[in-house]
Amino acid sequence: MSEPSLYERVMGDSYQRLASPVRAFHRLSGRHVLTGEVRTHAPQTWLARLLAWGLGTPTTDGGGAIRFELDATPRAETWTRHFPAKTMTSTLRASGNSVVEHLGVSRLTFHLHEQDTRLEMRLVRLRFLGLPCPRWLMPDIVAVESGEGSRFQFEVQARVPIAGLVARYAGHLMLPAELTAETPAAPHHSHPPAQAYAPHSSATTPSRSSRPAS
């Protein structure tokens, strides 16, 4: 029997309740290239833009094709997201019941939670340039992953109290059909799949990316 993936080990039994495309994505091992569509949103303020630059997240509004490169082992995963106007690379590792993502000069620790077959990842700790982020400045970062058929869907949003919206992007990646066909379906819940954000004037609220995509 193959060794459990990074996400399987962190989530334990709750991993089996995730939607089939989400489980298939996080069971990928080795090197893979996936493609799909994405929509990105620009940071709201100059300070948010500076933070986005430090994180390596998209800084422009727009939509188009995304290419996702994965290099995954049971111990670590490297996600390279080729957005239409930006490339973003991060490395993820397990830390107890959390996933730690190394992104640019930041180290982000996420708690993973299954909710109605979706995977929700929420930031619980952040270190920037090696220094812990004070609680009053802690970003609100949430990534949500869902799926239907061979489509793996993601939504990611990051806000900082004094800077506003730093990053927001959403879209999907297409998984090889044989992967989702071989992954037993999780219990069905009657809710709509996550959809890519439509552009609008107000800020609203996902990457083996990640993997937050989030």
N, C-alpha and C. Protein backbone atom coordinates (compact mmCIF):
# COMPACT_ATOMS: atom_id res chain seq x y z
N MET A 1 0.84 -1.19 0.00
CA MET A 1 0.00 0.00 0.00
C MET A 1 0.88 1.24 0.00
N SER A 2 0.53 2.24 -0.82
CA SER A 2 1.36 3.43 -0.94
C SER A 2 1.26 4.28 0.32
N GLU A 3 2.30 5.07 0.56
CA GLU A 3 2.34 5.94 1.72
C GLU A 3 1.31 7.06 1.57
N PRO A 4 0.60 7.42 2.64
CA PRO A 4 -0.39 8.50 2.54
C PRO A 4 0.26 9.80 2.10
N SER A 5 -0.49 10.60 1.38
CA SER A 5 0.00 11.90 0.93
C SER A 5 0.10 12.86 2.11
N LEU A 6 0.73 13.99 1.87
CA LEU A 6 0.89 15.01 2.90
C LEU A 6 -0.46 15.40 3.49
N TYR A 7 -1.43 15.69 2.63
CA TYR A 7 -2.74 16.14 3.10
C TYR A 7 -3.50 15.02 3.79
N GLU A 8 -3.35 13.79 3.33
CA GLU A 8 -4.00 12.65 3.98
C GLU A 8 -3.49 12.50 5.42
N ARG A 9 -2.19 12.64 5.61
CA ARG A 9 -1.62 12.49 6.95
C ARG A 9 -2.09 13.61 7.88
N VAL A 10 -2.15 14.82 7.37
CA VAL A 10 -2.55 15.96 8.21
C VAL A 10 -4.03 15.88 8.60
N MET A 11 -4.88 15.50 7.65
CA MET A 11 -6.33 15.54 7.89
C MET A 11 -6.88 14.28 8.54
N GLY A 12 -6.18 13.16 8.42
CA GLY A 12 -6.69 11.94 9.03
C GLY A 12 -7.99 11.47 8.39
N ASP A 13 -8.92 11.00 9.22
CA ASP A 13 -10.16 10.43 8.71
C ASP A 13 -11.01 11.43 7.94
N SER A 14 -10.92 12.71 8.28
CA SER A 14 -11.75 13.72 7.61
C SER A 14 -11.39 13.86 6.13
N TYR A 15 -10.20 13.43 5.76
CA TYR A 15 -9.80 13.50 4.35
C TYR A 15 -10.76 12.71 3.47
N GLN A 16 -11.26 11.59 3.96
CA GLN A 16 -12.13 10.73 3.15
C GLN A 16 -13.49 11.37 2.88
N ARG A 17 -13.83 12.43 3.58
CA ARG A 17 -15.12 13.10 3.36
C ARG A 17 -15.03 14.20 2.31
N LEU A 18 -13.84 14.46 1.80
CA LEU A 18 -13.67 15.49 0.77
C LEU A 18 -14.24 15.01 -0.56
N ALA A 19 -14.61 15.97 -1.40
CA ALA A 19 -15.11 15.65 -2.74
C ALA A 19 -14.05 14.87 -3.52
N SER A 20 -14.49 14.02 -4.40
CA SER A 20 -13.58 13.15 -5.16
C SER A 20 -12.48 13.92 -5.88
N PRO A 21 -12.76 15.04 -6.59
CA PRO A 21 -11.67 15.75 -7.27
C PRO A 21 -10.64 16.33 -6.30
N VAL A 22 -11.08 16.73 -5.11
CA VAL A 22 -10.15 17.29 -4.12
C VAL A 22 -9.23 16.19 -3.61
N ARG A 23 -9.79 15.02 -3.31
CA ARG A 23 -8.95 13.90 -2.87
C ARG A 23 -8.00 13.44 -3.97
N ALA A 24 -8.49 13.41 -5.20
CA ALA A 24 -7.64 13.00 -6.32
C ALA A 24 -6.47 13.96 -6.50
N PHE A 25 -6.75 15.26 -6.38
CA PHE A 25 -5.70 16.27 -6.53
C PHE A 25 -4.62 16.10 -5.47
N HIS A 26 -5.04 15.90 -4.22
CA HIS A 26 -4.07 15.83 -3.13
C HIS A 26 -3.43 14.45 -2.98
N ARG A 27 -3.80 13.51 -3.83
CA ARG A 27 -3.12 12.22 -3.86
C ARG A 27 -2.10 12.14 -4.98
N LEU A 28 -2.01 13.16 -5.79
CA LEU A 28 -1.02 13.17 -6.86
C LEU A 28 0.38 13.11 -6.26
N SER A 29 1.25 12.31 -6.85
CA SER A 29 2.63 12.23 -6.39
C SER A 29 3.56 12.33 -7.59
N GLY A 30 4.78 12.77 -7.33
CA GLY A 30 5.71 12.98 -8.43
C GLY A 30 5.47 14.32 -9.10
N ARG A 31 5.83 14.38 -10.38
CA ARG A 31 5.71 15.63 -11.14
C ARG A 31 4.48 15.59 -12.04
N HIS A 32 3.71 16.67 -12.00
CA HIS A 32 2.50 16.78 -12.82
C HIS A 32 2.35 18.21 -13.29
N VAL A 33 1.71 18.37 -14.45
CA VAL A 33 1.34 19.69 -14.97
C VAL A 33 -0.15 19.67 -15.25
N LEU A 34 -0.89 20.59 -14.63
CA LEU A 34 -2.32 20.71 -14.82
C LEU A 34 -2.63 22.08 -15.40
N THR A 35 -3.69 22.18 -16.16
CA THR A 35 -4.08 23.45 -16.77
C THR A 35 -5.54 23.74 -16.45
N GLY A 36 -5.90 25.02 -16.58
CA GLY A 36 -7.27 25.42 -16.31
C GLY A 36 -7.46 26.90 -16.57
N GLU A 37 -8.42 27.50 -15.87
CA GLU A 37 -8.73 28.91 -16.00
C GLU A 37 -8.70 29.57 -14.63
N VAL A 38 -8.37 30.86 -14.60
CA VAL A 38 -8.30 31.59 -13.34
C VAL A 38 -8.68 33.04 -13.55
N ARG A 39 -9.22 33.67 -12.51
CA ARG A 39 -9.45 35.11 -12.50
C ARG A 39 -8.75 35.69 -11.28
N THR A 40 -7.97 36.75 -11.49
CA THR A 40 -7.24 37.39 -10.40
C THR A 40 -7.76 38.80 -10.18
N HIS A 41 -7.55 39.31 -8.97
CA HIS A 41 -7.99 40.66 -8.61
C HIS A 41 -6.81 41.42 -8.02
N ALA A 42 -6.71 42.70 -8.34
CA ALA A 42 -5.60 43.52 -7.89
C ALA A 42 -5.74 43.90 -6.42
N PRO A 43 -4.63 44.11 -5.71
CA PRO A 43 -4.69 44.61 -4.34
C PRO A 43 -5.40 45.96 -4.29
N GLN A 44 -6.00 46.28 -3.13
CA GLN A 44 -6.82 47.48 -3.01
C GLN A 44 -6.02 48.75 -2.77
N THR A 45 -4.88 48.66 -2.11
CA THR A 45 -4.12 49.84 -1.71
C THR A 45 -2.65 49.66 -2.06
N TRP A 46 -1.90 50.76 -1.95
CA TRP A 46 -0.47 50.67 -2.25
C TRP A 46 0.24 49.76 -1.25
N LEU A 47 -0.22 49.78 0.01
CA LEU A 47 0.38 48.90 1.01
C LEU A 47 0.05 47.44 0.71
N ALA A 48 -1.18 47.20 0.29
CA ALA A 48 -1.56 45.84 -0.09
C ALA A 48 -0.74 45.37 -1.28
N ARG A 49 -0.48 46.27 -2.21
CA ARG A 49 0.34 45.90 -3.37
C ARG A 49 1.76 45.54 -2.93
N LEU A 50 2.29 46.28 -1.97
CA LEU A 50 3.63 45.98 -1.46
C LEU A 50 3.66 44.60 -0.79
N LEU A 51 2.62 44.30 -0.02
CA LEU A 51 2.53 42.99 0.63
C LEU A 51 2.39 41.88 -0.40
N ALA A 52 1.60 42.14 -1.44
CA ALA A 52 1.43 41.14 -2.51
C ALA A 52 2.76 40.87 -3.19
N TRP A 53 3.54 41.91 -3.39
CA TRP A 53 4.86 41.74 -3.99
C TRP A 53 5.73 40.84 -3.09
N GLY A 54 5.67 41.07 -1.76
CA GLY A 54 6.46 40.25 -0.85
C GLY A 54 6.02 38.80 -0.82
N LEU A 55 4.71 38.57 -1.00
CA LEU A 55 4.18 37.21 -1.00
C LEU A 55 4.32 36.53 -2.35
N GLY A 56 4.42 37.34 -3.41
CA GLY A 56 4.48 36.77 -4.75
C GLY A 56 3.12 36.47 -5.34
N THR A 57 2.05 37.04 -4.76
CA THR A 57 0.69 36.80 -5.26
C THR A 57 0.37 37.74 -6.42
N PRO A 58 -0.66 37.44 -7.22
CA PRO A 58 -1.00 38.28 -8.38
C PRO A 58 -1.32 39.72 -7.97
N THR A 59 -0.95 40.67 -8.83
CA THR A 59 -1.14 42.09 -8.53
C THR A 59 -2.00 42.81 -9.56
N THR A 60 -2.62 42.09 -10.48
CA THR A 60 -3.43 42.72 -11.52
C THR A 60 -4.80 42.05 -11.62
N ASP A 61 -5.77 42.82 -12.13
CA ASP A 61 -7.08 42.25 -12.46
C ASP A 61 -7.00 41.55 -13.80
N GLY A 62 -7.71 40.45 -13.93
CA GLY A 62 -7.74 39.79 -15.23
C GLY A 62 -8.09 38.33 -15.11
N GLY A 63 -8.25 37.72 -16.26
CA GLY A 63 -8.56 36.30 -16.30
C GLY A 63 -7.87 35.66 -17.48
N GLY A 64 -7.76 34.36 -17.43
CA GLY A 64 -7.12 33.64 -18.52
C GLY A 64 -6.68 32.26 -18.09
N ALA A 65 -5.78 31.69 -18.85
CA ALA A 65 -5.31 30.33 -18.58
C ALA A 65 -4.34 30.31 -17.40
N ILE A 66 -4.36 29.21 -16.66
CA ILE A 66 -3.39 28.98 -15.60
C ILE A 66 -2.73 27.62 -15.84
N ARG A 67 -1.42 27.57 -15.61
CA ARG A 67 -0.69 26.30 -15.67
C ARG A 67 -0.12 26.03 -14.28
N PHE A 68 -0.39 24.87 -13.79
CA PHE A 68 0.01 24.51 -12.43
C PHE A 68 0.99 23.35 -12.48
N GLU A 69 2.18 23.55 -11.90
CA GLU A 69 3.20 22.51 -11.86
C GLU A 69 3.33 22.00 -10.43
N LEU A 70 3.25 20.70 -10.28
CA LEU A 70 3.32 20.07 -8.96
C LEU A 70 4.49 19.11 -8.90
N ASP A 71 5.24 19.19 -7.81
CA ASP A 71 6.29 18.20 -7.52
C ASP A 71 6.02 17.73 -6.09
N ALA A 72 5.44 16.54 -5.96
CA ALA A 72 4.92 16.11 -4.66
C ALA A 72 5.54 14.81 -4.19
N THR A 73 5.90 14.79 -2.91
CA THR A 73 6.27 13.58 -2.19
C THR A 73 5.40 13.53 -0.94
N PRO A 74 5.40 12.41 -0.21
CA PRO A 74 4.60 12.36 1.02
C PRO A 74 5.06 13.35 2.08
N ARG A 75 6.27 13.90 1.95
CA ARG A 75 6.82 14.80 2.96
C ARG A 75 6.75 16.27 2.58
N ALA A 76 6.74 16.57 1.30
CA ALA A 76 6.74 17.98 0.88
C ALA A 76 6.19 18.09 -0.53
N GLU A 77 5.63 19.25 -0.82
CA GLU A 77 5.09 19.52 -2.15
C GLU A 77 5.54 20.91 -2.59
N THR A 78 5.91 21.03 -3.84
CA THR A 78 6.22 22.33 -4.42
C THR A 78 5.16 22.64 -5.46
N TRP A 79 4.51 23.79 -5.31
CA TRP A 79 3.47 24.24 -6.23
C TRP A 79 3.97 25.46 -6.99
N THR A 80 3.91 25.40 -8.30
CA THR A 80 4.25 26.56 -9.13
C THR A 80 3.02 26.91 -9.95
N ARG A 81 2.49 28.10 -9.71
CA ARG A 81 1.27 28.55 -10.36
C ARG A 81 1.63 29.60 -11.40
N HIS A 82 1.41 29.31 -12.64
CA HIS A 82 1.68 30.27 -13.71
C HIS A 82 0.38 30.99 -14.05
N PHE A 83 0.18 32.16 -13.39
CA PHE A 83 -0.98 32.99 -13.69
C PHE A 83 -0.75 33.72 -15.01
N PRO A 84 -1.78 34.36 -15.58
CA PRO A 84 -1.59 35.08 -16.84
C PRO A 84 -0.47 36.12 -16.79
N ALA A 85 -0.28 36.79 -15.64
CA ALA A 85 0.73 37.86 -15.57
C ALA A 85 1.69 37.68 -14.40
N LYS A 86 1.76 36.50 -13.81
CA LYS A 86 2.57 36.30 -12.62
C LYS A 86 2.84 34.82 -12.41
N THR A 87 4.03 34.50 -11.93
CA THR A 87 4.34 33.13 -11.52
C THR A 87 4.58 33.12 -10.02
N MET A 88 3.96 32.18 -9.34
CA MET A 88 4.00 32.12 -7.88
C MET A 88 4.38 30.70 -7.46
N THR A 89 5.46 30.56 -6.71
CA THR A 89 5.94 29.25 -6.28
C THR A 89 5.99 29.17 -4.76
N SER A 90 5.53 28.06 -4.22
CA SER A 90 5.60 27.85 -2.77
C SER A 90 5.86 26.38 -2.48
N THR A 91 6.37 26.12 -1.28
CA THR A 91 6.63 24.76 -0.83
C THR A 91 5.82 24.50 0.43
N LEU A 92 5.18 23.33 0.49
CA LEU A 92 4.31 22.99 1.61
C LEU A 92 4.84 21.75 2.33
N ARG A 93 4.77 21.79 3.66
CA ARG A 93 5.17 20.66 4.49
C ARG A 93 4.18 20.50 5.65
N ALA A 94 4.12 19.29 6.19
CA ALA A 94 3.25 19.03 7.33
C ALA A 94 3.95 19.47 8.62
N SER A 95 3.13 19.97 9.55
CA SER A 95 3.61 20.31 10.89
C SER A 95 2.50 19.95 11.87
N GLY A 96 2.56 18.74 12.41
CA GLY A 96 1.48 18.27 13.27
C GLY A 96 0.19 18.14 12.49
N ASN A 97 -0.85 18.83 12.95
CA ASN A 97 -2.13 18.79 12.25
C ASN A 97 -2.34 20.02 11.38
N SER A 98 -1.25 20.64 10.95
CA SER A 98 -1.30 21.83 10.10
C SER A 98 -0.40 21.65 8.89
N VAL A 99 -0.58 22.53 7.91
CA VAL A 99 0.29 22.59 6.75
C VAL A 99 1.01 23.93 6.77
N VAL A 100 2.32 23.90 6.60
CA VAL A 100 3.12 25.12 6.57
C VAL A 100 3.54 25.39 5.14
N GLU A 101 3.23 26.59 4.66
CA GLU A 101 3.57 26.98 3.29
C GLU A 101 4.66 28.04 3.32
N HIS A 102 5.75 27.78 2.62
CA HIS A 102 6.84 28.74 2.46
C HIS A 102 6.60 29.48 1.14
N LEU A 103 6.29 30.77 1.25
CA LEU A 103 5.91 31.57 0.10
C LEU A 103 6.69 32.87 0.13
N GLY A 104 7.63 33.03 -0.78
CA GLY A 104 8.47 34.22 -0.77
C GLY A 104 9.22 34.32 0.54
N VAL A 105 9.13 35.49 1.20
CA VAL A 105 9.82 35.69 2.48
C VAL A 105 8.90 35.37 3.65
N SER A 106 7.79 34.71 3.38
CA SER A 106 6.80 34.42 4.41
C SER A 106 6.70 32.91 4.68
N ARG A 107 6.33 32.59 5.91
CA ARG A 107 6.02 31.21 6.28
C ARG A 107 4.62 31.21 6.90
N LEU A 108 3.69 30.56 6.23
CA LEU A 108 2.29 30.59 6.63
C LEU A 108 1.85 29.22 7.13
N THR A 109 1.19 29.19 8.28
CA THR A 109 0.70 27.94 8.85
C THR A 109 -0.82 27.91 8.74
N PHE A 110 -1.35 26.85 8.12
CA PHE A 110 -2.79 26.74 7.87
C PHE A 110 -3.39 25.56 8.63
N HIS A 111 -4.58 25.80 9.16
CA HIS A 111 -5.40 24.72 9.71
C HIS A 111 -6.30 24.21 8.61
N LEU A 112 -6.43 22.88 8.47
CA LEU A 112 -7.24 22.26 7.42
C LEU A 112 -8.53 21.72 8.02
N HIS A 113 -9.63 21.95 7.30
CA HIS A 113 -10.94 21.55 7.82
C HIS A 113 -11.85 21.14 6.67
N GLU A 114 -12.52 20.00 6.82
CA GLU A 114 -13.51 19.56 5.82
C GLU A 114 -14.86 20.14 6.18
N GLN A 115 -15.52 20.76 5.21
CA GLN A 115 -16.84 21.34 5.41
C GLN A 115 -17.72 21.01 4.21
N ASP A 116 -18.68 20.11 4.38
CA ASP A 116 -19.60 19.74 3.29
C ASP A 116 -18.83 19.31 2.04
N THR A 117 -17.86 18.47 2.20
CA THR A 117 -16.99 17.88 1.17
C THR A 117 -15.96 18.86 0.61
N ARG A 118 -15.97 20.09 1.07
CA ARG A 118 -14.97 21.07 0.64
C ARG A 118 -13.81 21.08 1.62
N LEU A 119 -12.65 21.47 1.13
CA LEU A 119 -11.48 21.64 2.00
C LEU A 119 -11.29 23.13 2.25
N GLU A 120 -11.32 23.52 3.54
CA GLU A 120 -11.09 24.91 3.92
C GLU A 120 -9.75 24.99 4.64
N MET A 121 -8.91 25.91 4.17
CA MET A 121 -7.61 26.15 4.77
C MET A 121 -7.59 27.58 5.29
N ARG A 122 -7.35 27.74 6.60
CA ARG A 122 -7.37 29.08 7.20
C ARG A 122 -6.04 29.36 7.89
N LEU A 123 -5.50 30.55 7.66
CA LEU A 123 -4.23 30.94 8.27
C LEU A 123 -4.37 31.06 9.78
N VAL A 124 -3.43 30.44 10.51
CA VAL A 124 -3.43 30.54 11.98
C VAL A 124 -2.15 31.16 12.51
N ARG A 125 -1.07 31.11 11.74
CA ARG A 125 0.19 31.74 12.14
C ARG A 125 0.93 32.23 10.90
N LEU A 126 1.72 33.30 11.10
CA LEU A 126 2.49 33.87 10.00
C LEU A 126 3.81 34.39 10.51
N ARG A 127 4.87 34.06 9.80
CA ARG A 127 6.18 34.65 10.05
C ARG A 127 6.62 35.33 8.77
N PHE A 128 7.09 36.57 8.90
CA PHE A 128 7.51 37.37 7.75
C PHE A 128 8.96 37.79 7.98
N LEU A 129 9.84 37.42 7.04
CA LEU A 129 11.28 37.66 7.21
C LEU A 129 11.77 37.04 8.51
N GLY A 130 11.18 35.91 8.90
CA GLY A 130 11.59 35.21 10.10
C GLY A 130 10.97 35.71 11.39
N LEU A 131 10.22 36.82 11.32
CA LEU A 131 9.63 37.42 12.52
C LEU A 131 8.15 37.07 12.61
N PRO A 132 7.66 36.75 13.82
CA PRO A 132 6.24 36.44 13.96
C PRO A 132 5.38 37.67 13.73
N CYS A 133 4.26 37.47 13.07
CA CYS A 133 3.34 38.57 12.81
C CYS A 133 2.53 38.86 14.07
N PRO A 134 2.46 40.13 14.51
CA PRO A 134 1.63 40.45 15.68
C PRO A 134 0.16 40.18 15.40
N ARG A 135 -0.59 39.84 16.44
CA ARG A 135 -1.98 39.46 16.26
C ARG A 135 -2.81 40.56 15.61
N TRP A 136 -2.54 41.83 15.97
CA TRP A 136 -3.34 42.93 15.44
C TRP A 136 -3.12 43.14 13.94
N LEU A 137 -2.03 42.59 13.42
CA LEU A 137 -1.72 42.74 12.00
C LEU A 137 -1.92 41.43 11.23
N MET A 138 -2.41 40.40 11.91
CA MET A 138 -2.53 39.08 11.29
C MET A 138 -3.50 39.10 10.10
N PRO A 139 -3.05 38.67 8.93
CA PRO A 139 -3.93 38.62 7.77
C PRO A 139 -5.05 37.60 7.95
N ASP A 140 -6.14 37.83 7.28
CA ASP A 140 -7.22 36.85 7.19
C ASP A 140 -7.09 36.18 5.83
N ILE A 141 -6.56 34.96 5.83
CA ILE A 141 -6.33 34.23 4.58
C ILE A 141 -7.12 32.93 4.62
N VAL A 142 -7.96 32.75 3.62
CA VAL A 142 -8.78 31.54 3.53
C VAL A 142 -8.69 30.99 2.12
N ALA A 143 -8.45 29.70 2.01
CA ALA A 143 -8.48 29.01 0.72
C ALA A 143 -9.52 27.90 0.80
N VAL A 144 -10.36 27.81 -0.22
CA VAL A 144 -11.42 26.80 -0.27
C VAL A 144 -11.25 25.99 -1.55
N GLU A 145 -11.25 24.67 -1.40
CA GLU A 145 -11.13 23.77 -2.55
C GLU A 145 -12.37 22.89 -2.64
N SER A 146 -12.86 22.73 -3.86
CA SER A 146 -14.03 21.89 -4.10
C SER A 146 -13.86 21.26 -5.48
N GLY A 147 -14.89 20.60 -5.97
CA GLY A 147 -14.75 20.01 -7.30
C GLY A 147 -15.99 19.28 -7.74
N GLU A 148 -16.01 19.01 -9.03
CA GLU A 148 -17.10 18.26 -9.63
C GLU A 148 -16.56 17.58 -10.88
N GLY A 149 -16.80 16.28 -11.02
CA GLY A 149 -16.29 15.56 -12.17
C GLY A 149 -14.77 15.57 -12.17
N SER A 150 -14.18 16.04 -13.27
CA SER A 150 -12.72 16.13 -13.39
C SER A 150 -12.21 17.54 -13.12
N ARG A 151 -13.08 18.39 -12.57
CA ARG A 151 -12.71 19.78 -12.34
C ARG A 151 -12.41 20.02 -10.86
N PHE A 152 -11.17 20.44 -10.58
CA PHE A 152 -10.74 20.81 -9.24
C PHE A 152 -10.84 22.33 -9.13
N GLN A 153 -11.63 22.82 -8.19
CA GLN A 153 -11.90 24.25 -8.09
C GLN A 153 -11.26 24.85 -6.84
N PHE A 154 -10.83 26.10 -6.95
CA PHE A 154 -10.17 26.76 -5.83
C PHE A 154 -10.60 28.22 -5.73
N GLU A 155 -10.62 28.72 -4.51
CA GLU A 155 -10.90 30.12 -4.21
C GLU A 155 -9.93 30.56 -3.12
N VAL A 156 -9.23 31.65 -3.31
CA VAL A 156 -8.26 32.12 -2.33
C VAL A 156 -8.47 33.61 -2.12
N GLN A 157 -8.49 34.03 -0.86
CA GLN A 157 -8.58 35.46 -0.55
C GLN A 157 -7.70 35.77 0.65
N ALA A 158 -6.98 36.91 0.57
CA ALA A 158 -6.13 37.36 1.66
C ALA A 158 -6.39 38.84 1.93
N ARG A 159 -6.67 39.17 3.20
CA ARG A 159 -6.87 40.55 3.63
C ARG A 159 -5.99 40.84 4.83
N VAL A 160 -5.52 42.09 4.91
CA VAL A 160 -4.73 42.54 6.04
C VAL A 160 -5.45 43.73 6.66
N PRO A 161 -5.58 43.79 8.00
CA PRO A 161 -6.39 44.82 8.64
C PRO A 161 -6.14 46.24 8.16
N ILE A 162 -4.90 46.68 8.05
CA ILE A 162 -4.64 48.07 7.70
C ILE A 162 -4.42 48.28 6.20
N ALA A 163 -4.41 47.20 5.43
CA ALA A 163 -4.09 47.31 4.00
C ALA A 163 -5.26 46.93 3.10
N GLY A 164 -6.24 46.21 3.63
CA GLY A 164 -7.36 45.78 2.80
C GLY A 164 -7.04 44.51 2.03
N LEU A 165 -7.66 44.37 0.88
CA LEU A 165 -7.48 43.17 0.06
C LEU A 165 -6.07 43.12 -0.51
N VAL A 166 -5.35 42.03 -0.21
CA VAL A 166 -4.00 41.84 -0.72
C VAL A 166 -4.01 40.91 -1.93
N ALA A 167 -4.81 39.86 -1.88
CA ALA A 167 -4.87 38.90 -2.98
C ALA A 167 -6.24 38.25 -3.04
N ARG A 168 -6.70 38.03 -4.26
CA ARG A 168 -7.91 37.23 -4.45
C ARG A 168 -7.85 36.61 -5.84
N TYR A 169 -7.99 35.30 -5.89
CA TYR A 169 -8.05 34.62 -7.18
C TYR A 169 -8.88 33.35 -7.03
N ALA A 170 -9.47 32.94 -8.13
CA ALA A 170 -10.33 31.75 -8.12
C ALA A 170 -10.36 31.16 -9.52
N GLY A 171 -10.59 29.87 -9.58
CA GLY A 171 -10.67 29.21 -10.89
C GLY A 171 -10.72 27.71 -10.74
N HIS A 172 -10.21 27.03 -11.74
CA HIS A 172 -10.24 25.57 -11.71
C HIS A 172 -9.05 24.99 -12.47
N LEU A 173 -8.73 23.76 -12.14
CA LEU A 173 -7.75 22.96 -12.87
C LEU A 173 -8.45 21.69 -13.33
N MET A 174 -8.07 21.21 -14.50
CA MET A 174 -8.66 19.97 -15.02
C MET A 174 -7.77 18.79 -14.63
N LEU A 175 -8.37 17.80 -13.99
CA LEU A 175 -7.66 16.58 -13.61
C LEU A 175 -7.85 15.52 -14.67
N PRO A 176 -6.86 14.64 -14.87
CA PRO A 176 -7.07 13.51 -15.78
C PRO A 176 -8.29 12.71 -15.35
N ALA A 177 -9.16 12.39 -16.28
CA ALA A 177 -10.43 11.74 -15.96
C ALA A 177 -10.23 10.43 -15.20
N GLU A 178 -9.14 9.71 -15.52
CA GLU A 178 -8.94 8.41 -14.86
C GLU A 178 -8.65 8.56 -13.37
N LEU A 179 -8.15 9.73 -12.96
CA LEU A 179 -7.87 9.93 -11.54
C LEU A 179 -9.14 10.04 -10.73
N THR A 180 -10.09 10.86 -11.19
CA THR A 180 -11.34 11.02 -10.46
C THR A 180 -12.20 9.77 -10.56
N ALA A 181 -12.08 9.04 -11.66
CA ALA A 181 -12.87 7.81 -11.81
C ALA A 181 -12.42 6.75 -10.82
N GLU A 182 -11.12 6.78 -10.46
CA GLU A 182 -10.59 5.77 -9.55
C GLU A 182 -10.71 6.17 -8.09
N THR A 183 -11.17 7.41 -7.82
CA THR A 183 -11.29 7.88 -6.45
C THR A 183 -12.73 7.77 -6.01
N PRO A 184 -13.08 6.87 -5.06
CA PRO A 184 -14.47 6.70 -4.63
C PRO A 184 -15.08 8.02 -4.20
N ALA A 185 -16.34 8.21 -4.53
CA ALA A 185 -17.01 9.47 -4.23
C ALA A 185 -17.22 9.63 -2.73
N ALA A 186 -17.06 10.88 -2.26
CA ALA A 186 -17.38 11.20 -0.88
C ALA A 186 -18.88 11.35 -0.76
N PRO A 187 -19.45 11.30 0.47
CA PRO A 187 -20.89 11.49 0.64
C PRO A 187 -21.35 12.77 -0.02
N HIS A 188 -22.48 12.73 -0.71
CA HIS A 188 -22.96 13.87 -1.48
C HIS A 188 -23.73 14.84 -0.61
N HIS A 189 -23.50 16.14 -0.83
CA HIS A 189 -24.26 17.18 -0.16
C HIS A 189 -24.81 18.10 -1.23
N SER A 190 -26.01 18.58 -1.03
CA SER A 190 -26.67 19.39 -2.06
C SER A 190 -26.29 20.84 -1.94
N HIS A 191 -25.10 21.19 -2.39
CA HIS A 191 -24.69 22.59 -2.48
C HIS A 191 -24.01 22.78 -3.81
N PRO A 192 -24.03 23.99 -4.35
CA PRO A 192 -23.42 24.23 -5.65
C PRO A 192 -21.92 24.21 -5.56
N PRO A 193 -21.21 23.83 -6.63
CA PRO A 193 -19.75 23.85 -6.63
C PRO A 193 -19.24 25.27 -6.58
N ALA A 194 -18.00 25.44 -6.09
CA ALA A 194 -17.41 26.77 -6.07
C ALA A 194 -17.25 27.28 -7.48
N GLN A 195 -17.48 28.56 -7.68
CA GLN A 195 -17.37 29.18 -8.99
C GLN A 195 -16.27 30.23 -8.97
N ALA A 196 -15.67 30.47 -10.11
CA ALA A 196 -14.67 31.52 -10.22
C ALA A 196 -15.35 32.85 -9.98
N TYR A 197 -14.64 33.80 -9.36
CA TYR A 197 -15.21 35.09 -9.06
C TYR A 197 -15.46 35.87 -10.34
N ALA A 198 -16.56 36.55 -10.41
CA ALA A 198 -16.82 37.48 -11.49
C ALA A 198 -16.30 38.84 -11.07
N PRO A 199 -15.73 39.62 -11.98
CA PRO A 199 -15.18 40.92 -11.60
C PRO A 199 -16.29 41.87 -11.20
N HIS A 200 -16.08 42.62 -10.13
CA HIS A 200 -17.03 43.65 -9.73
C HIS A 200 -16.28 44.70 -8.94
N SER A 201 -16.94 45.77 -8.61
CA SER A 201 -16.25 46.91 -8.04
C SER A 201 -15.95 46.75 -6.56
N SER A 202 -16.74 45.95 -5.84
CA SER A 202 -16.53 45.80 -4.41
C SER A 202 -15.74 44.55 -4.13
N ALA A 203 -15.00 44.53 -3.01
CA ALA A 203 -14.18 43.38 -2.64
C ALA A 203 -15.04 42.35 -1.95
N THR A 204 -14.94 41.08 -2.41
CA THR A 204 -15.62 39.96 -1.78
C THR A 204 -14.66 38.81 -1.64
N THR A 205 -15.06 37.78 -0.87
CA THR A 205 -14.26 36.58 -0.76
C THR A 205 -14.29 35.71 -2.02
N PRO A 206 -8.17 28.51 -1.85
CA PRO A 206 -8.79 28.51 -2.48
C PRO A 206 -8.49 29.05 -1.85
N SER A 207 -2.45 24.56 -3.60
CA SER A 207 -2.79 24.79 -4.09
C SER A 207 -1.94 23.93 -4.25
N ARG A 208 -2.21 17.88 -4.41
CA ARG A 208 -1.34 18.36 -4.83
C ARG A 208 -1.63 18.99 -6.11
N SER A 209 -1.10 22.13 -5.96
CA SER A 209 -1.38 23.27 -6.27
C SER A 209 -0.75 22.72 -6.46
N SER A 210 -2.67 23.66 -3.44
CA SER A 210 -2.47 24.34 -3.62
C SER A 210 -2.41 24.94 -3.97
N ARG A 211 -1.67 22.70 -4.48
CA ARG A 211 -2.08 23.37 -3.84
C ARG A 211 -2.03 24.28 -4.50
N PRO A 212 -4.09 27.05 -2.35
CA PRO A 212 -4.17 27.99 -2.26
C PRO A 212 -3.91 27.89 -2.32
N ALA A 213 -3.90 28.46 -5.81
CA ALA A 213 -4.31 28.65 -5.89
C ALA A 213 -4.24 29.22 -5.16
N SER A 214 -6.93 28.07 -2.43
CA SER A 214 -6.83 28.85 -2.18
C SER A 214 -6.55 28.32 -2.83
